[in-house]
Amino acid sequence: QTAAWLTDRIGGRMTNSPQMRQAEAW
């Protein structure tokens, strides 16, 4: 469930991208 949330919901994350910040907060 944790891996699915990070990969399927938030998706790929480049350094300092909004997706990285979202994954960091989650």
mmCIF file of all heavy atoms, coordinates in Angstrom:
data_MODEL
# 
_entry.id   MODEL 
# 
loop_
_atom_site.group_PDB 
_atom_site.id 
_atom_site.type_symbol 
_atom_site.label_atom_id 
_atom_site.label_alt_id 
_atom_site.label_comp_id 
_atom_site.label_asym_id 
_atom_site.label_entity_id 
_atom_site.label_seq_id 
_atom_site.pdbx_PDB_ins_code 
_atom_site.Cartn_x 
_atom_site.Cartn_y 
_atom_site.Cartn_z 
_atom_site.occupancy 
_atom_site.B_iso_or_equiv 
_atom_site.pdbx_formal_charge 
_atom_site.auth_seq_id 
_atom_site.auth_comp_id 
_atom_site.auth_asym_id 
_atom_site.auth_atom_id 
_atom_site.pdbx_PDB_model_num 
ATOM 1   N N   . GLN A 1 1  ? 0.833  -1.206 0.000   1.00 0.00 ? 1  GLN A N   1 
ATOM 2   C CA  . GLN A 1 1  ? 0.000  0.000  0.000   1.00 0.00 ? 1  GLN A CA  1 
ATOM 3   C C   . GLN A 1 1  ? 0.867  1.256  0.000   1.00 0.00 ? 1  GLN A C   1 
ATOM 4   O O   . GLN A 1 1  ? 0.558  2.232  -0.688  1.00 0.00 ? 1  GLN A O   1 
ATOM 5   C CB  . GLN A 1 1  ? -0.929 0.022  1.229   1.00 0.00 ? 1  GLN A CB  1 
ATOM 6   C CG  . GLN A 1 1  ? -1.958 -1.067 1.226   1.00 0.00 ? 1  GLN A CG  1 
ATOM 7   C CD  . GLN A 1 1  ? -1.476 -2.321 1.955   1.00 0.00 ? 1  GLN A CD  1 
ATOM 8   O OE1 . GLN A 1 1  ? -0.290 -2.597 2.053   1.00 0.00 ? 1  GLN A OE1 1 
ATOM 9   N NE2 . GLN A 1 1  ? -2.423 -3.099 2.442   1.00 0.00 ? 1  GLN A NE2 1 
ATOM 10  N N   . THR A 1 2  ? 1.950  1.220  0.755   1.00 0.00 ? 2  THR A N   1 
ATOM 11  C CA  . THR A 1 2  ? 2.851  2.369  0.807   1.00 0.00 ? 2  THR A CA  1 
ATOM 12  C C   . THR A 1 2  ? 3.521  2.593  -0.545  1.00 0.00 ? 2  THR A C   1 
ATOM 13  O O   . THR A 1 2  ? 3.563  3.715  -1.053  1.00 0.00 ? 2  THR A O   1 
ATOM 14  C CB  . THR A 1 2  ? 3.921  2.151  1.899   1.00 0.00 ? 2  THR A CB  1 
ATOM 15  O OG1 . THR A 1 2  ? 3.266  1.974  3.157   1.00 0.00 ? 2  THR A OG1 1 
ATOM 16  C CG2 . THR A 1 2  ? 4.882  3.314  1.980   1.00 0.00 ? 2  THR A CG2 1 
ATOM 17  N N   . ALA A 1 3  ? 4.022  1.530  -1.140  1.00 0.00 ? 3  ALA A N   1 
ATOM 18  C CA  . ALA A 1 3  ? 4.667  1.654  -2.454  1.00 0.00 ? 3  ALA A CA  1 
ATOM 19  C C   . ALA A 1 3  ? 3.669  2.111  -3.510  1.00 0.00 ? 3  ALA A C   1 
ATOM 20  O O   . ALA A 1 3  ? 3.997  2.954  -4.354  1.00 0.00 ? 3  ALA A O   1 
ATOM 21  C CB  . ALA A 1 3  ? 5.293  0.321  -2.856  1.00 0.00 ? 3  ALA A CB  1 
ATOM 22  N N   . ALA A 1 4  ? 2.453  1.578  -3.467  1.00 0.00 ? 4  ALA A N   1 
ATOM 23  C CA  . ALA A 1 4  ? 1.435  1.976  -4.442  1.00 0.00 ? 4  ALA A CA  1 
ATOM 24  C C   . ALA A 1 4  ? 1.096  3.455  -4.306  1.00 0.00 ? 4  ALA A C   1 
ATOM 25  O O   . ALA A 1 4  ? 0.943  4.158  -5.309  1.00 0.00 ? 4  ALA A O   1 
ATOM 26  C CB  . ALA A 1 4  ? 0.179  1.123  -4.274  1.00 0.00 ? 4  ALA A CB  1 
ATOM 27  N N   . TRP A 1 5  ? 0.991  3.935  -3.083  1.00 0.00 ? 5  TRP A N   1 
ATOM 28  C CA  . TRP A 1 5  ? 0.657  5.351  -2.886  1.00 0.00 ? 5  TRP A CA  1 
ATOM 29  C C   . TRP A 1 5  ? 1.767  6.236  -3.460  1.00 0.00 ? 5  TRP A C   1 
ATOM 30  O O   . TRP A 1 5  ? 1.486  7.196  -4.175  1.00 0.00 ? 5  TRP A O   1 
ATOM 31  C CB  . TRP A 1 5  ? 0.457  5.656  -1.401  1.00 0.00 ? 5  TRP A CB  1 
ATOM 32  C CG  . TRP A 1 5  ? -0.063 7.042  -1.202  1.00 0.00 ? 5  TRP A CG  1 
ATOM 33  C CD1 . TRP A 1 5  ? 0.687  8.167  -1.053  1.00 0.00 ? 5  TRP A CD1 1 
ATOM 34  C CD2 . TRP A 1 5  ? -1.424 7.456  -1.212  1.00 0.00 ? 5  TRP A CD2 1 
ATOM 35  N NE1 . TRP A 1 5  ? -0.124 9.266  -0.947  1.00 0.00 ? 5  TRP A NE1 1 
ATOM 36  C CE2 . TRP A 1 5  ? -1.430 8.859  -1.043  1.00 0.00 ? 5  TRP A CE2 1 
ATOM 37  C CE3 . TRP A 1 5  ? -2.632 6.804  -1.338  1.00 0.00 ? 5  TRP A CE3 1 
ATOM 38  C CZ2 . TRP A 1 5  ? -2.597 9.591  -0.981  1.00 0.00 ? 5  TRP A CZ2 1 
ATOM 39  C CZ3 . TRP A 1 5  ? -3.793 7.548  -1.276  1.00 0.00 ? 5  TRP A CZ3 1 
ATOM 40  C CH2 . TRP A 1 5  ? -3.774 8.912  -1.115  1.00 0.00 ? 5  TRP A CH2 1 
ATOM 41  N N   . LEU A 1 6  ? 3.002  5.876  -3.159  1.00 0.00 ? 6  LEU A N   1 
ATOM 42  C CA  . LEU A 1 6  ? 4.114  6.714  -3.614  1.00 0.00 ? 6  LEU A CA  1 
ATOM 43  C C   . LEU A 1 6  ? 4.326  6.632  -5.126  1.00 0.00 ? 6  LEU A C   1 
ATOM 44  O O   . LEU A 1 6  ? 4.703  7.622  -5.755  1.00 0.00 ? 6  LEU A O   1 
ATOM 45  C CB  . LEU A 1 6  ? 5.399  6.320  -2.881  1.00 0.00 ? 6  LEU A CB  1 
ATOM 46  C CG  . LEU A 1 6  ? 5.465  6.725  -1.411  1.00 0.00 ? 6  LEU A CG  1 
ATOM 47  C CD1 . LEU A 1 6  ? 6.674  6.094  -0.744  1.00 0.00 ? 6  LEU A CD1 1 
ATOM 48  C CD2 . LEU A 1 6  ? 5.494  8.237  -1.257  1.00 0.00 ? 6  LEU A CD2 1 
ATOM 49  N N   . THR A 1 7  ? 4.093  5.472  -5.723  1.00 0.00 ? 7  THR A N   1 
ATOM 50  C CA  . THR A 1 7  ? 4.366  5.339  -7.153  1.00 0.00 ? 7  THR A CA  1 
ATOM 51  C C   . THR A 1 7  ? 3.146  5.618  -8.019  1.00 0.00 ? 7  THR A C   1 
ATOM 52  O O   . THR A 1 7  ? 3.255  6.295  -9.035  1.00 0.00 ? 7  THR A O   1 
ATOM 53  C CB  . THR A 1 7  ? 4.897  3.929  -7.473  1.00 0.00 ? 7  THR A CB  1 
ATOM 54  O OG1 . THR A 1 7  ? 3.940  2.960  -7.047  1.00 0.00 ? 7  THR A OG1 1 
ATOM 55  C CG2 . THR A 1 7  ? 6.224  3.684  -6.786  1.00 0.00 ? 7  THR A CG2 1 
ATOM 56  N N   . ASP A 1 8  ? 1.993  5.098  -7.627  1.00 0.00 ? 8  ASP A N   1 
ATOM 57  C CA  . ASP A 1 8  ? 0.800  5.242  -8.469  1.00 0.00 ? 8  ASP A CA  1 
ATOM 58  C C   . ASP A 1 8  ? 0.067  6.558  -8.239  1.00 0.00 ? 8  ASP A C   1 
ATOM 59  O O   . ASP A 1 8  ? -0.454 7.156  -9.174  1.00 0.00 ? 8  ASP A O   1 
ATOM 60  C CB  . ASP A 1 8  ? -0.168 4.079  -8.238  1.00 0.00 ? 8  ASP A CB  1 
ATOM 61  C CG  . ASP A 1 8  ? 0.455  2.738  -8.592  1.00 0.00 ? 8  ASP A CG  1 
ATOM 62  O OD1 . ASP A 1 8  ? 1.432  2.725  -9.362  1.00 0.00 ? 8  ASP A OD1 1 
ATOM 63  O OD2 . ASP A 1 8  ? -0.031 1.710  -8.091  1.00 0.00 ? 8  ASP A OD2 1 
ATOM 64  N N   . ARG A 1 9  ? -0.023 6.997  -7.000  1.00 0.00 ? 9  ARG A N   1 
ATOM 65  C CA  . ARG A 1 9  ? -0.770 8.230  -6.701  1.00 0.00 ? 9  ARG A CA  1 
ATOM 66  C C   . ARG A 1 9  ? 0.078  9.477  -6.929  1.00 0.00 ? 9  ARG A C   1 
ATOM 67  O O   . ARG A 1 9  ? -0.364 10.423 -7.546  1.00 0.00 ? 9  ARG A O   1 
ATOM 68  C CB  . ARG A 1 9  ? -1.255 8.216  -5.249  1.00 0.00 ? 9  ARG A CB  1 
ATOM 69  C CG  . ARG A 1 9  ? -2.158 7.096  -4.903  1.00 0.00 ? 9  ARG A CG  1 
ATOM 70  C CD  . ARG A 1 9  ? -3.588 7.473  -5.192  1.00 0.00 ? 9  ARG A CD  1 
ATOM 71  N NE  . ARG A 1 9  ? -4.462 6.361  -4.865  1.00 0.00 ? 9  ARG A NE  1 
ATOM 72  C CZ  . ARG A 1 9  ? -5.550 6.468  -4.156  1.00 0.00 ? 9  ARG A CZ  1 
ATOM 73  N NH1 . ARG A 1 9  ? -5.913 7.640  -3.710  1.00 0.00 ? 9  ARG A NH1 1 
ATOM 74  N NH2 . ARG A 1 9  ? -6.297 5.422  -3.927  1.00 0.00 ? 9  ARG A NH2 1 
ATOM 75  N N   . ILE A 1 10 ? 1.285  9.474  -6.356  1.00 0.00 ? 10 ILE A N   1 
ATOM 76  C CA  . ILE A 1 10 ? 2.131  10.661 -6.468  1.00 0.00 ? 10 ILE A CA  1 
ATOM 77  C C   . ILE A 1 10 ? 2.968  10.612 -7.740  1.00 0.00 ? 10 ILE A C   1 
ATOM 78  O O   . ILE A 1 10 ? 3.157  11.615 -8.398  1.00 0.00 ? 10 ILE A O   1 
ATOM 79  C CB  . ILE A 1 10 ? 3.022  10.810 -5.211  1.00 0.00 ? 10 ILE A CB  1 
ATOM 80  C CG1 . ILE A 1 10 ? 2.128  11.025 -3.984  1.00 0.00 ? 10 ILE A CG1 1 
ATOM 81  C CG2 . ILE A 1 10 ? 4.011  11.951 -5.377  1.00 0.00 ? 10 ILE A CG2 1 
ATOM 82  C CD1 . ILE A 1 10 ? 2.850  11.060 -2.665  1.00 0.00 ? 10 ILE A CD1 1 
ATOM 83  N N   . GLY A 1 11 ? 3.436  9.455  -8.107  1.00 0.00 ? 11 GLY A N   1 
ATOM 84  C CA  . GLY A 1 11 ? 4.163  9.292  -9.364  1.00 0.00 ? 11 GLY A CA  1 
ATOM 85  C C   . GLY A 1 11 ? 5.643  9.603  -9.251  1.00 0.00 ? 11 GLY A C   1 
ATOM 86  O O   . GLY A 1 11 ? 6.197  9.711  -8.164  1.00 0.00 ? 11 GLY A O   1 
ATOM 87  N N   . GLY A 1 12 ? 6.259  9.747  -10.429 1.00 0.00 ? 12 GLY A N   1 
ATOM 88  C CA  . GLY A 1 12 ? 7.695  10.011 -10.506 1.00 0.00 ? 12 GLY A CA  1 
ATOM 89  C C   . GLY A 1 12 ? 8.041  11.345 -9.880  1.00 0.00 ? 12 GLY A C   1 
ATOM 90  O O   . GLY A 1 12 ? 7.245  12.283 -9.890  1.00 0.00 ? 12 GLY A O   1 
ATOM 91  N N   . ARG A 1 13 ? 9.232  11.413 -9.330  1.00 0.00 ? 13 ARG A N   1 
ATOM 92  C CA  . ARG A 1 13 ? 9.638  12.612 -8.610  1.00 0.00 ? 13 ARG A CA  1 
ATOM 93  C C   . ARG A 1 13 ? 11.050 13.008 -9.006  1.00 0.00 ? 13 ARG A C   1 
ATOM 94  O O   . ARG A 1 13 ? 12.006 12.329 -8.694  1.00 0.00 ? 13 ARG A O   1 
ATOM 95  C CB  . ARG A 1 13 ? 9.576  12.357 -7.106  1.00 0.00 ? 13 ARG A CB  1 
ATOM 96  C CG  . ARG A 1 13 ? 8.174  12.056 -6.629  1.00 0.00 ? 13 ARG A CG  1 
ATOM 97  C CD  . ARG A 1 13 ? 8.161  11.550 -5.214  1.00 0.00 ? 13 ARG A CD  1 
ATOM 98  N NE  . ARG A 1 13 ? 8.831  10.286 -5.007  1.00 0.00 ? 13 ARG A NE  1 
ATOM 99  C CZ  . ARG A 1 13 ? 8.330  9.091  -5.307  1.00 0.00 ? 13 ARG A CZ  1 
ATOM 100 N NH1 . ARG A 1 13 ? 7.162  9.003  -5.877  1.00 0.00 ? 13 ARG A NH1 1 
ATOM 101 N NH2 . ARG A 1 13 ? 8.993  7.990  -5.040  1.00 0.00 ? 13 ARG A NH2 1 
ATOM 102 N N   . MET A 1 14 ? 11.172 14.141 -9.660  1.00 0.00 ? 14 MET A N   1 
ATOM 103 C CA  . MET A 1 14 ? 12.490 14.709 -9.914  1.00 0.00 ? 14 MET A CA  1 
ATOM 104 C C   . MET A 1 14 ? 12.902 15.513 -8.686  1.00 0.00 ? 14 MET A C   1 
ATOM 105 O O   . MET A 1 14 ? 12.055 15.939 -7.903  1.00 0.00 ? 14 MET A O   1 
ATOM 106 C CB  . MET A 1 14 ? 12.467 15.615 -11.138 1.00 0.00 ? 14 MET A CB  1 
ATOM 107 C CG  . MET A 1 14 ? 12.190 14.896 -12.429 1.00 0.00 ? 14 MET A CG  1 
ATOM 108 S SD  . MET A 1 14 ? 12.198 16.072 -13.783 1.00 0.00 ? 14 MET A SD  1 
ATOM 109 C CE  . MET A 1 14 ? 12.849 15.065 -15.070 1.00 0.00 ? 14 MET A CE  1 
ATOM 110 N N   . THR A 1 15 ? 14.173 15.741 -8.537  1.00 0.00 ? 15 THR A N   1 
ATOM 111 C CA  . THR A 1 15 ? 14.680 16.487 -7.395  1.00 0.00 ? 15 THR A CA  1 
ATOM 112 C C   . THR A 1 15 ? 14.051 17.866 -7.327  1.00 0.00 ? 15 THR A C   1 
ATOM 113 O O   . THR A 1 15 ? 13.994 18.590 -8.321  1.00 0.00 ? 15 THR A O   1 
ATOM 114 C CB  . THR A 1 15 ? 16.213 16.610 -7.490  1.00 0.00 ? 15 THR A CB  1 
ATOM 115 O OG1 . THR A 1 15 ? 16.754 15.303 -7.576  1.00 0.00 ? 15 THR A OG1 1 
ATOM 116 C CG2 . THR A 1 15 ? 16.781 17.341 -6.286  1.00 0.00 ? 15 THR A CG2 1 
ATOM 117 N N   . ASN A 1 16 ? 13.567 18.212 -6.139  1.00 0.00 ? 16 ASN A N   1 
ATOM 118 C CA  . ASN A 1 16 ? 12.943 19.516 -5.849  1.00 0.00 ? 16 ASN A CA  1 
ATOM 119 C C   . ASN A 1 16 ? 11.684 19.786 -6.668  1.00 0.00 ? 16 ASN A C   1 
ATOM 120 O O   . ASN A 1 16 ? 11.276 20.934 -6.801  1.00 0.00 ? 16 ASN A O   1 
ATOM 121 C CB  . ASN A 1 16 ? 13.942 20.656 -6.026  1.00 0.00 ? 16 ASN A CB  1 
ATOM 122 C CG  . ASN A 1 16 ? 14.878 20.769 -4.856  1.00 0.00 ? 16 ASN A CG  1 
ATOM 123 O OD1 . ASN A 1 16 ? 14.554 20.326 -3.761  1.00 0.00 ? 16 ASN A OD1 1 
ATOM 124 N ND2 . ASN A 1 16 ? 16.038 21.340 -5.074  1.00 0.00 ? 16 ASN A ND2 1 
ATOM 125 N N   . SER A 1 17 ? 11.056 18.770 -7.192  1.00 0.00 ? 17 SER A N   1 
ATOM 126 C CA  . SER A 1 17 ? 9.811  18.966 -7.941  1.00 0.00 ? 17 SER A CA  1 
ATOM 127 C C   . SER A 1 17 ? 8.635  19.021 -6.964  1.00 0.00 ? 17 SER A C   1 
ATOM 128 O O   . SER A 1 17 ? 8.752  18.617 -5.810  1.00 0.00 ? 17 SER A O   1 
ATOM 129 C CB  . SER A 1 17 ? 9.602  17.805 -8.921  1.00 0.00 ? 17 SER A CB  1 
ATOM 130 O OG  . SER A 1 17 ? 9.347  16.605 -8.197  1.00 0.00 ? 17 SER A OG  1 
ATOM 131 N N   . PRO A 1 18 ? 7.488  19.509 -7.418  1.00 0.00 ? 18 PRO A N   1 
ATOM 132 C CA  . PRO A 1 18 ? 6.302  19.492 -6.561  1.00 0.00 ? 18 PRO A CA  1 
ATOM 133 C C   . PRO A 1 18 ? 5.929  18.070 -6.128  1.00 0.00 ? 18 PRO A C   1 
ATOM 134 O O   . PRO A 1 18 ? 5.468  17.863 -5.005  1.00 0.00 ? 18 PRO A O   1 
ATOM 135 C CB  . PRO A 1 18 ? 5.217  20.095 -7.457  1.00 0.00 ? 18 PRO A CB  1 
ATOM 136 C CG  . PRO A 1 18 ? 5.945  20.933 -8.448  1.00 0.00 ? 18 PRO A CG  1 
ATOM 137 C CD  . PRO A 1 18 ? 7.253  20.226 -8.684  1.00 0.00 ? 18 PRO A CD  1 
ATOM 138 N N   . GLN A 1 19 ? 6.142  17.094 -7.015  1.00 0.00 ? 19 GLN A N   1 
ATOM 139 C CA  . GLN A 1 19 ? 5.846  15.711 -6.657  1.00 0.00 ? 19 GLN A CA  1 
ATOM 140 C C   . GLN A 1 19 ? 6.763  15.212 -5.536  1.00 0.00 ? 19 GLN A C   1 
ATOM 141 O O   . GLN A 1 19 ? 6.340  14.464 -4.666  1.00 0.00 ? 19 GLN A O   1 
ATOM 142 C CB  . GLN A 1 19 ? 5.971  14.787 -7.878  1.00 0.00 ? 19 GLN A CB  1 
ATOM 143 C CG  . GLN A 1 19 ? 4.960  15.051 -8.959  1.00 0.00 ? 19 GLN A CG  1 
ATOM 144 C CD  . GLN A 1 19 ? 5.390  16.165 -9.922  1.00 0.00 ? 19 GLN A CD  1 
ATOM 145 O OE1 . GLN A 1 19 ? 6.442  16.766 -9.777  1.00 0.00 ? 19 GLN A OE1 1 
ATOM 146 N NE2 . GLN A 1 19 ? 4.534  16.432 -10.897 1.00 0.00 ? 19 GLN A NE2 1 
ATOM 147 N N   . MET A 1 20 ? 8.014  15.654 -5.557  1.00 0.00 ? 20 MET A N   1 
ATOM 148 C CA  . MET A 1 20 ? 8.934  15.275 -4.491  1.00 0.00 ? 20 MET A CA  1 
ATOM 149 C C   . MET A 1 20 ? 8.478  15.876 -3.169  1.00 0.00 ? 20 MET A C   1 
ATOM 150 O O   . MET A 1 20 ? 8.478  15.197 -2.139  1.00 0.00 ? 20 MET A O   1 
ATOM 151 C CB  . MET A 1 20 ? 10.351 15.746 -4.804  1.00 0.00 ? 20 MET A CB  1 
ATOM 152 C CG  . MET A 1 20 ? 11.359 15.351 -3.735  1.00 0.00 ? 20 MET A CG  1 
ATOM 153 S SD  . MET A 1 20 ? 12.991 16.023 -4.096  1.00 0.00 ? 20 MET A SD  1 
ATOM 154 C CE  . MET A 1 20 ? 13.450 16.629 -2.497  1.00 0.00 ? 20 MET A CE  1 
ATOM 155 N N   . ARG A 1 21 ? 8.052  17.104 -3.177  1.00 0.00 ? 21 ARG A N   1 
ATOM 156 C CA  . ARG A 1 21 ? 7.570  17.760 -1.953  1.00 0.00 ? 21 ARG A CA  1 
ATOM 157 C C   . ARG A 1 21 ? 6.293  17.081 -1.448  1.00 0.00 ? 21 ARG A C   1 
ATOM 158 O O   . ARG A 1 21 ? 6.114  16.906 -0.251  1.00 0.00 ? 21 ARG A O   1 
ATOM 159 C CB  . ARG A 1 21 ? 7.320  19.248 -2.193  1.00 0.00 ? 21 ARG A CB  1 
ATOM 160 C CG  . ARG A 1 21 ? 8.555  20.009 -2.570  1.00 0.00 ? 21 ARG A CG  1 
ATOM 161 C CD  . ARG A 1 21 ? 9.564  20.019 -1.443  1.00 0.00 ? 21 ARG A CD  1 
ATOM 162 N NE  . ARG A 1 21 ? 10.788 20.655 -1.903  1.00 0.00 ? 21 ARG A NE  1 
ATOM 163 C CZ  . ARG A 1 21 ? 11.985 20.263 -1.559  1.00 0.00 ? 21 ARG A CZ  1 
ATOM 164 N NH1 . ARG A 1 21 ? 12.151 19.249 -0.750  1.00 0.00 ? 21 ARG A NH1 1 
ATOM 165 N NH2 . ARG A 1 21 ? 13.045 20.878 -2.010  1.00 0.00 ? 21 ARG A NH2 1 
ATOM 166 N N   . GLN A 1 22 ? 5.418  16.677 -2.374  1.00 0.00 ? 22 GLN A N   1 
ATOM 167 C CA  . GLN A 1 22 ? 4.191  15.983 -1.976  1.00 0.00 ? 22 GLN A CA  1 
ATOM 168 C C   . GLN A 1 22 ? 4.526  14.624 -1.353  1.00 0.00 ? 22 GLN A C   1 
ATOM 169 O O   . GLN A 1 22 ? 3.977  14.255 -0.313  1.00 0.00 ? 22 GLN A O   1 
ATOM 170 C CB  . GLN A 1 22 ? 3.281  15.799 -3.184  1.00 0.00 ? 22 GLN A CB  1 
ATOM 171 C CG  . GLN A 1 22 ? 1.960  15.161 -2.864  1.00 0.00 ? 22 GLN A CG  1 
ATOM 172 C CD  . GLN A 1 22 ? 1.113  14.932 -4.108  1.00 0.00 ? 22 GLN A CD  1 
ATOM 173 O OE1 . GLN A 1 22 ? 1.546  15.177 -5.239  1.00 0.00 ? 22 GLN A OE1 1 
ATOM 174 N NE2 . GLN A 1 22 ? -0.093 14.468 -3.903  1.00 0.00 ? 22 GLN A NE2 1 
ATOM 175 N N   . ALA A 1 23 ? 5.446  13.883 -1.962  1.00 0.00 ? 23 ALA A N   1 
ATOM 176 C CA  . ALA A 1 23 ? 5.854  12.589 -1.419  1.00 0.00 ? 23 ALA A CA  1 
ATOM 177 C C   . ALA A 1 23 ? 6.544  12.770 -0.072  1.00 0.00 ? 23 ALA A C   1 
ATOM 178 O O   . ALA A 1 23 ? 6.337  11.974 0.858   1.00 0.00 ? 23 ALA A O   1 
ATOM 179 C CB  . ALA A 1 23 ? 6.784  11.877 -2.397  1.00 0.00 ? 23 ALA A CB  1 
ATOM 180 N N   . GLU A 1 24 ? 7.331  13.804 0.067   1.00 0.00 ? 24 GLU A N   1 
ATOM 181 C CA  . GLU A 1 24 ? 8.019  14.092 1.326   1.00 0.00 ? 24 GLU A CA  1 
ATOM 182 C C   . GLU A 1 24 ? 7.008  14.380 2.434   1.00 0.00 ? 24 GLU A C   1 
ATOM 183 O O   . GLU A 1 24 ? 7.110  13.835 3.533   1.00 0.00 ? 24 GLU A O   1 
ATOM 184 C CB  . GLU A 1 24 ? 8.932  15.293 1.099   1.00 0.00 ? 24 GLU A CB  1 
ATOM 185 C CG  . GLU A 1 24 ? 9.807  15.688 2.236   1.00 0.00 ? 24 GLU A CG  1 
ATOM 186 C CD  . GLU A 1 24 ? 10.680 16.859 1.826   1.00 0.00 ? 24 GLU A CD  1 
ATOM 187 O OE1 . GLU A 1 24 ? 10.195 18.024 1.931   1.00 0.00 ? 24 GLU A OE1 1 
ATOM 188 O OE2 . GLU A 1 24 ? 11.818 16.638 1.395   1.00 0.00 ? 24 GLU A OE2 1 
ATOM 189 N N   . ALA A 1 25 ? 6.024  15.213 2.149   1.00 0.00 ? 25 ALA A N   1 
ATOM 190 C CA  . ALA A 1 25 ? 5.000  15.548 3.155   1.00 0.00 ? 25 ALA A CA  1 
ATOM 191 C C   . ALA A 1 25 ? 4.170  14.311 3.519   1.00 0.00 ? 25 ALA A C   1 
ATOM 192 O O   . ALA A 1 25 ? 3.883  14.076 4.699   1.00 0.00 ? 25 ALA A O   1 
ATOM 193 C CB  . ALA A 1 25 ? 4.095  16.662 2.625   1.00 0.00 ? 25 ALA A CB  1 
ATOM 194 N N   . TRP A 1 26 ? 3.790  13.513 2.511   1.00 0.00 ? 26 TRP A N   1 
ATOM 195 C CA  . TRP A 1 26 ? 3.010  12.307 2.780   1.00 0.00 ? 26 TRP A CA  1 
ATOM 196 C C   . TRP A 1 26 ? 3.801  11.328 3.649   1.00 0.00 ? 26 TRP A C   1 
ATOM 197 O O   . TRP A 1 26 ? 3.272  10.754 4.603   1.00 0.00 ? 26 TRP A O   1 
ATOM 198 C CB  . TRP A 1 26 ? 2.601  11.634 1.472   1.00 0.00 ? 26 TRP A CB  1 
ATOM 199 C CG  . TRP A 1 26 ? 1.784  10.404 1.701   1.00 0.00 ? 26 TRP A CG  1 
ATOM 200 C CD1 . TRP A 1 26 ? 0.440  10.349 1.869   1.00 0.00 ? 26 TRP A CD1 1 
ATOM 201 C CD2 . TRP A 1 26 ? 2.268  9.064  1.808   1.00 0.00 ? 26 TRP A CD2 1 
ATOM 202 N NE1 . TRP A 1 26 ? 0.045  9.047  2.081   1.00 0.00 ? 26 TRP A NE1 1 
ATOM 203 C CE2 . TRP A 1 26 ? 1.155  8.240  2.048   1.00 0.00 ? 26 TRP A CE2 1 
ATOM 204 C CE3 . TRP A 1 26 ? 3.521  8.484  1.732   1.00 0.00 ? 26 TRP A CE3 1 
ATOM 205 C CZ2 . TRP A 1 26 ? 1.266  6.861  2.211   1.00 0.00 ? 26 TRP A CZ2 1 
ATOM 206 C CZ3 . TRP A 1 26 ? 3.636  7.106  1.895   1.00 0.00 ? 26 TRP A CZ3 1 
ATOM 207 C CH2 . TRP A 1 26 ? 2.519  6.314  2.129   1.00 0.00 ? 26 TRP A CH2 1 
# 
